[in-house]
PDB file of N, CA and C in Angstrom:
ATOM      1  N   MET A   1       1.003  -1.352   0.198  1.00  0.00           N
ATOM      2  CA  MET A   1      -0.139  -0.037  -0.137  1.00  0.00           C
ATOM      3  C   MET A   1       0.819   1.270  -0.041  1.00  0.00           C
ATOM      4  N   LEU A   2       2.032   1.246   0.761  1.00  0.00           N
ATOM      5  CA  LEU A   2       2.410   2.537   1.030  1.00  0.00           C
ATOM      6  C   LEU A   2       3.734   2.847  -0.705  1.00  0.00           C
ATOM      7  N   GLU A   3       3.578   1.730  -0.842  1.00  0.00           N
ATOM      8  CA  GLU A   3       4.667   1.609  -2.104  1.00  0.00           C
ATOM      9  C   GLU A   3       3.870   1.963  -3.466  1.00  0.00           C
ATOM     10  N   GLN A   4       2.729   1.916  -3.073  1.00  0.00           N
ATOM     11  CA  GLN A   4       2.168   2.197  -4.201  1.00  0.00           C
ATOM     12  C   GLN A   4       1.410   3.842  -4.270  1.00  0.00           C
ATOM     13  N   MET A   5       1.425   4.425  -3.110  1.00  0.00           N
ATOM     14  CA  MET A   5       1.038   5.679  -2.391  1.00  0.00           C
ATOM     15  C   MET A   5       2.584   6.521  -2.823  1.00  0.00           C
ATOM     16  N   VAL A   6       3.677   5.813  -2.945  1.00  0.00           N
ATOM     17  CA  VAL A   6       4.772   6.948  -3.314  1.00  0.00           C
ATOM     18  C   VAL A   6       4.893   6.889  -4.570  1.00  0.00           C
ATOM     19  N   LYS A   7       5.029   5.533  -5.389  1.00  0.00           N
ATOM     20  CA  LYS A   7       5.043   5.418  -6.698  1.00  0.00           C
ATOM     21  C   LYS A   7       3.866   6.404  -7.206  1.00  0.00           C
ATOM     22  N   GLU A   8       2.591   6.737  -6.871  1.00  0.00           N
ATOM     23  CA  GLU A   8       1.405   7.688  -7.329  1.00  0.00           C
ATOM     24  C   GLU A   8       1.883   9.135  -7.261  1.00  0.00           C
ATOM     25  N   ALA A   9       2.634   8.974  -6.257  1.00  0.00           N
ATOM     26  CA  ALA A   9       2.865  10.727  -5.585  1.00  0.00           C
ATOM     27  C   ALA A   9       4.326  11.125  -6.365  1.00  0.00           C
ATOM     28  N   VAL A  10       5.130   9.615  -6.824  1.00  0.00           N
ATOM     29  CA  VAL A  10       6.712  10.191  -7.972  1.00  0.00           C
ATOM     30  C   VAL A  10       5.875  10.398  -8.868  1.00  0.00           C
ATOM     31  N   SER A  11       4.964   9.610  -9.310  1.00  0.00           N
ATOM     32  CA  SER A  11       4.577   9.900 -10.922  1.00  0.00           C
ATOM     33  C   SER A  11       4.087  11.317 -11.050  1.00  0.00           C
ATOM     34  N   HIS A  12       3.747  11.938 -10.342  1.00  0.00           N
ATOM     35  CA  HIS A  12       3.305  13.617 -10.590  1.00  0.00           C
ATOM     36  C   HIS A  12       4.411  14.433 -10.713  1.00  0.00           C
ATOM     37  N   ILE A  13       5.383  14.216 -10.365  1.00  0.00           N
ATOM     38  CA  ILE A  13       6.605  14.751 -10.482  1.00  0.00           C
ATOM     39  C   ILE A  13       7.260  15.226 -12.003  1.00  0.00           C
ATOM     40  N   PRO A  14       7.484  16.248 -12.424  1.00  0.00           N
ATOM     41  CA  PRO A  14       7.947  16.504 -13.743  1.00  0.00           C
ATOM     42  C   PRO A  14       9.089  15.851 -14.112  1.00  0.00           C
ATOM     43  N   ALA A  15       9.183  15.480 -15.176  1.00  0.00           N
ATOM     44  CA  ALA A  15      10.906  15.540 -15.175  1.00  0.00           C
ATOM     45  C   ALA A  15      11.355  16.493 -15.795  1.00  0.00           C
ATOM     46  N   PRO A  16      12.998  16.241 -15.930  1.00  0.00           N
ATOM     47  CA  PRO A  16      13.542  17.616 -16.027  1.00  0.00           C
ATOM     48  C   PRO A  16      13.601  17.888 -17.457  1.00  0.00           C
ATOM     49  N   ARG A  17      14.166  18.631 -17.950  1.00  0.00           N
ATOM     50  CA  ARG A  17      14.131  19.002 -19.134  1.00  0.00           C
ATOM     51  C   ARG A  17      15.220  19.445 -19.822  1.00  0.00           C
ATOM     52  N   ASP A  18      16.242  18.871 -19.770  1.00  0.00           N
ATOM     53  CA  ASP A  18      17.720  18.833 -20.006  1.00  0.00           C
ATOM     54  C   ASP A  18      18.547  20.400 -19.825  1.00  0.00           C
ATOM     55  N   GLY A  19      18.267  20.286 -18.425  1.00  0.00           N
ATOM     56  CA  GLY A  19      18.814  21.992 -17.458  1.00  0.00           C
ATOM     57  C   GLY A  19      17.720  22.838 -17.595  1.00  0.00           C
ATOM     58  N   ARG A  20      16.452  22.643 -18.205  1.00  0.00           N
ATOM     59  CA  ARG A  20      15.481  24.108 -18.485  1.00  0.00           C
ATOM     60  C   ARG A  20      14.620  24.149 -17.315  1.00  0.00           C
ATOM     61  N   ASP A  21      14.839  22.874 -16.170  1.00  0.00           N
ATOM     62  CA  ASP A  21      14.046  22.622 -14.918  1.00  0.00           C
ATOM     63  C   ASP A  21      14.325  23.897 -14.151  1.00  0.00           C
ATOM     64  N   TYR A  22      15.534  24.626 -13.967  1.00  0.00           N
ATOM     65  CA  TYR A  22      15.909  26.073 -13.125  1.00  0.00           C
ATOM     66  C   TYR A  22      16.244  27.270 -14.201  1.00  0.00           C
ATOM     67  N   ASP A  23      16.089  28.171 -13.274  1.00  0.00           N
ATOM     68  CA  ASP A  23      16.061  29.139 -14.408  1.00  0.00           C
ATOM     69  C   ASP A  23      17.845  29.593 -14.022  1.00  0.00           C
ATOM     70  N   PRO A  24      18.470  29.756 -15.266  1.00  0.00           N
ATOM     71  CA  PRO A  24      20.143  30.121 -14.883  1.00  0.00           C
ATOM     72  C   PRO A  24      20.248  31.279 -14.123  1.00  0.00           C
ATOM     73  N   GLU A  25      18.900  32.240 -14.093  1.00  0.00           N
ATOM     74  CA  GLU A  25      19.680  33.536 -13.974  1.00  0.00           C
ATOM     75  C   GLU A  25      19.237  33.606 -12.061  1.00  0.00           C
ATOM     76  N   VAL A  26      18.131  32.838 -11.478  1.00  0.00           N
ATOM     77  CA  VAL A  26      18.176  32.394 -10.723  1.00  0.00           C
ATOM     78  C   VAL A  26      18.974  31.644  -9.981  1.00  0.00           C
ATOM     79  N   LEU A  27      19.570  30.720 -10.545  1.00  0.00           N
ATOM     80  CA  LEU A  27      20.627  29.935  -9.533  1.00  0.00           C
ATOM     81  C   LEU A  27      22.627  30.932  -9.571  1.00  0.00           C
ATOM     82  N   LYS A  28      22.153  31.620 -10.782  1.00  0.00           N
ATOM     83  CA  LYS A  28      23.479  32.551 -10.710  1.00  0.00           C
ATOM     84  C   LYS A  28      23.596  33.787  -9.332  1.00  0.00           C
ATOM     85  N   GLN A  29      22.092  33.961  -9.279  1.00  0.00           N
ATOM     86  CA  GLN A  29      21.929  34.954  -8.320  1.00  0.00           C
ATOM     87  C   GLN A  29      22.215  34.236  -6.838  1.00  0.00           C
ATOM     88  N   ALA A  30      21.228  32.972  -6.976  1.00  0.00           N
ATOM     89  CA  ALA A  30      21.497  32.065  -5.418  1.00  0.00           C
ATOM     90  C   ALA A  30      23.189  31.768  -4.911  1.00  0.00           C
ATOM     91  N   VAL A  31      24.327  31.263  -6.355  1.00  0.00           N
ATOM     92  CA  VAL A  31      25.390  31.195  -5.805  1.00  0.00           C
ATOM     93  C   VAL A  31      26.420  32.713  -5.695  1.00  0.00           C
ATOM     94  N   ASN A  32      26.364  33.733  -5.791  1.00  0.00           N
ATOM     95  CA  ASN A  32      26.494  35.082  -6.007  1.00  0.00           C
ATOM     96  C   ASN A  32      26.290  35.422  -4.219  1.00  0.00           C
ATOM     97  N   ASP A  33      24.888  35.367  -3.920  1.00  0.00           N
ATOM     98  CA  ASP A  33      24.677  35.448  -2.555  1.00  0.00           C
ATOM     99  C   ASP A  33      25.508  34.331  -1.757  1.00  0.00           C
ATOM    100  N   ALA A  34      25.681  33.613  -2.254  1.00  0.00           N
ATOM    101  CA  ALA A  34      26.423  32.143  -0.990  1.00  0.00           C
ATOM    102  C   ALA A  34      27.189  32.770  -1.008  1.00  0.00           C
ATOM    103  N   VAL A  35      28.362  33.428  -2.180  1.00  0.00           N
ATOM    104  CA  VAL A  35      29.710  33.512  -2.101  1.00  0.00           C
ATOM    105  C   VAL A  35      29.937  35.004  -1.538  1.00  0.00           C
ATOM    106  N   ALA A  36      28.749  35.827  -1.484  1.00  0.00           N
ATOM    107  CA  ALA A  36      28.936  37.316  -0.869  1.00  0.00           C
ATOM    108  C   ALA A  36      28.931  36.720   0.586  1.00  0.00           C
ATOM    109  N   ASN A  37      27.916  36.080   1.403  1.00  0.00           N
ATOM    110  CA  ASN A  37      27.976  35.493   2.797  1.00  0.00           C
ATOM    111  C   ASN A  37      29.332  35.350   3.208  1.00  0.00           C
ATOM    112  N   ILE A  38      30.494  34.485   2.368  1.00  0.00           N
ATOM    113  CA  ILE A  38      31.585  33.865   3.034  1.00  0.00           C
ATOM    114  C   ILE A  38      32.294  35.054   3.497  1.00  0.00           C
ATOM    115  N   PRO A  39      32.695  35.049   4.898  1.00  0.00           N
ATOM    116  CA  PRO A  39      33.295  36.066   5.676  1.00  0.00           C
ATOM    117  C   PRO A  39      34.597  36.232   4.830  1.00  0.00           C
ATOM    118  N   VAL A  40      35.035  37.409   4.703  1.00  0.00           N
ATOM    119  CA  VAL A  40      36.308  38.150   3.844  1.00  0.00           C
ATOM    120  C   VAL A  40      37.156  37.625   5.642  1.00  0.00           C
ATOM    121  N   PRO A  41      39.050  37.020   5.357  1.00  0.00           N
ATOM    122  CA  PRO A  41      39.621  36.588   6.123  1.00  0.00           C
ATOM    123  C   PRO A  41      40.374  38.219   5.923  1.00  0.00           C
ATOM    124  N   ALA A  42      41.034  37.954   7.754  1.00  0.00           N
ATOM    125  CA  ALA A  42      41.545  38.875   8.186  1.00  0.00           C
ATOM    126  C   ALA A  42      42.944  39.111   7.759  1.00  0.00           C
ATOM    127  N   ASP A  43      43.548  40.039   7.528  1.00  0.00           N
ATOM    128  CA  ASP A  43      45.168  39.801   6.896  1.00  0.00           C
ATOM    129  C   ASP A  43      46.166  39.371   8.317  1.00  0.00           C
ATOM    130  N   GLY A  44      46.832  38.370   8.206  1.00  0.00           N
ATOM    131  CA  GLY A  44      47.904  38.128   9.550  1.00  0.00           C
ATOM    132  C   GLY A  44      47.175  37.052  10.302  1.00  0.00           C
ATOM    133  N   LYS A  45      46.090  36.841   9.839  1.00  0.00           N
ATOM    134  CA  LYS A  45      45.178  36.053  10.761  1.00  0.00           C
ATOM    135  C   LYS A  45      44.806  34.433  10.080  1.00  0.00           C
ATOM    136  N   SER A  46      45.743  33.090  10.687  1.00  0.00           N
ATOM    137  CA  SER A  46      45.429  32.100  10.636  1.00  0.00           C
ATOM    138  C   SER A  46      44.038  31.583  10.899  1.00  0.00           C
ATOM    139  N   ILE A  47      43.335  30.583  10.669  1.00  0.00           N
ATOM    140  CA  ILE A  47      42.374  29.928  11.416  1.00  0.00           C
ATOM    141  C   ILE A  47      43.407  28.690  12.134  1.00  0.00           C
ATOM    142  N   THR A  48      42.132  28.682  12.936  1.00  0.00           N
ATOM    143  CA  THR A  48      42.649  27.799  14.352  1.00  0.00           C
ATOM    144  C   THR A  48      41.280  26.529  14.336  1.00  0.00           C
ATOM    145  N   PRO A  49      41.757  25.702  14.798  1.00  0.00           N
ATOM    146  CA  PRO A  49      40.638  24.264  14.640  1.00  0.00           C
ATOM    147  C   PRO A  49      39.369  24.911  15.676  1.00  0.00           C
ATOM    148  N   ASP A  50      39.186  25.844  16.609  1.00  0.00           N
ATOM    149  CA  ASP A  50      38.017  26.198  16.752  1.00  0.00           C
ATOM    150  C   ASP A  50      37.568  27.276  15.847  1.00  0.00           C
ATOM    151  N   ASP A  51      37.818  27.239  14.872  1.00  0.00           N
ATOM    152  CA  ASP A  51      37.185  28.417  13.832  1.00  0.00           C
ATOM    153  C   ASP A  51      36.633  27.379  12.441  1.00  0.00           C
ATOM    154  N   VAL A  52      36.771  26.028  12.965  1.00  0.00           N
ATOM    155  CA  VAL A  52      36.432  25.034  12.117  1.00  0.00           C
ATOM    156  C   VAL A  52      35.342  24.592  12.668  1.00  0.00           C
TER     157      VAL A  52
END
């Protein structure tokens, strides 16, 4: 019963269309936002195990 329910639910998920299932501009903005959130390193300061 559960297996049939899962198969039914998954059957409604549209198949990807050769890279067209995601807007490249949205992806570019998401990557740029993520990179912008990386802290800028301070000159002359190394990381320690506590930083990781």
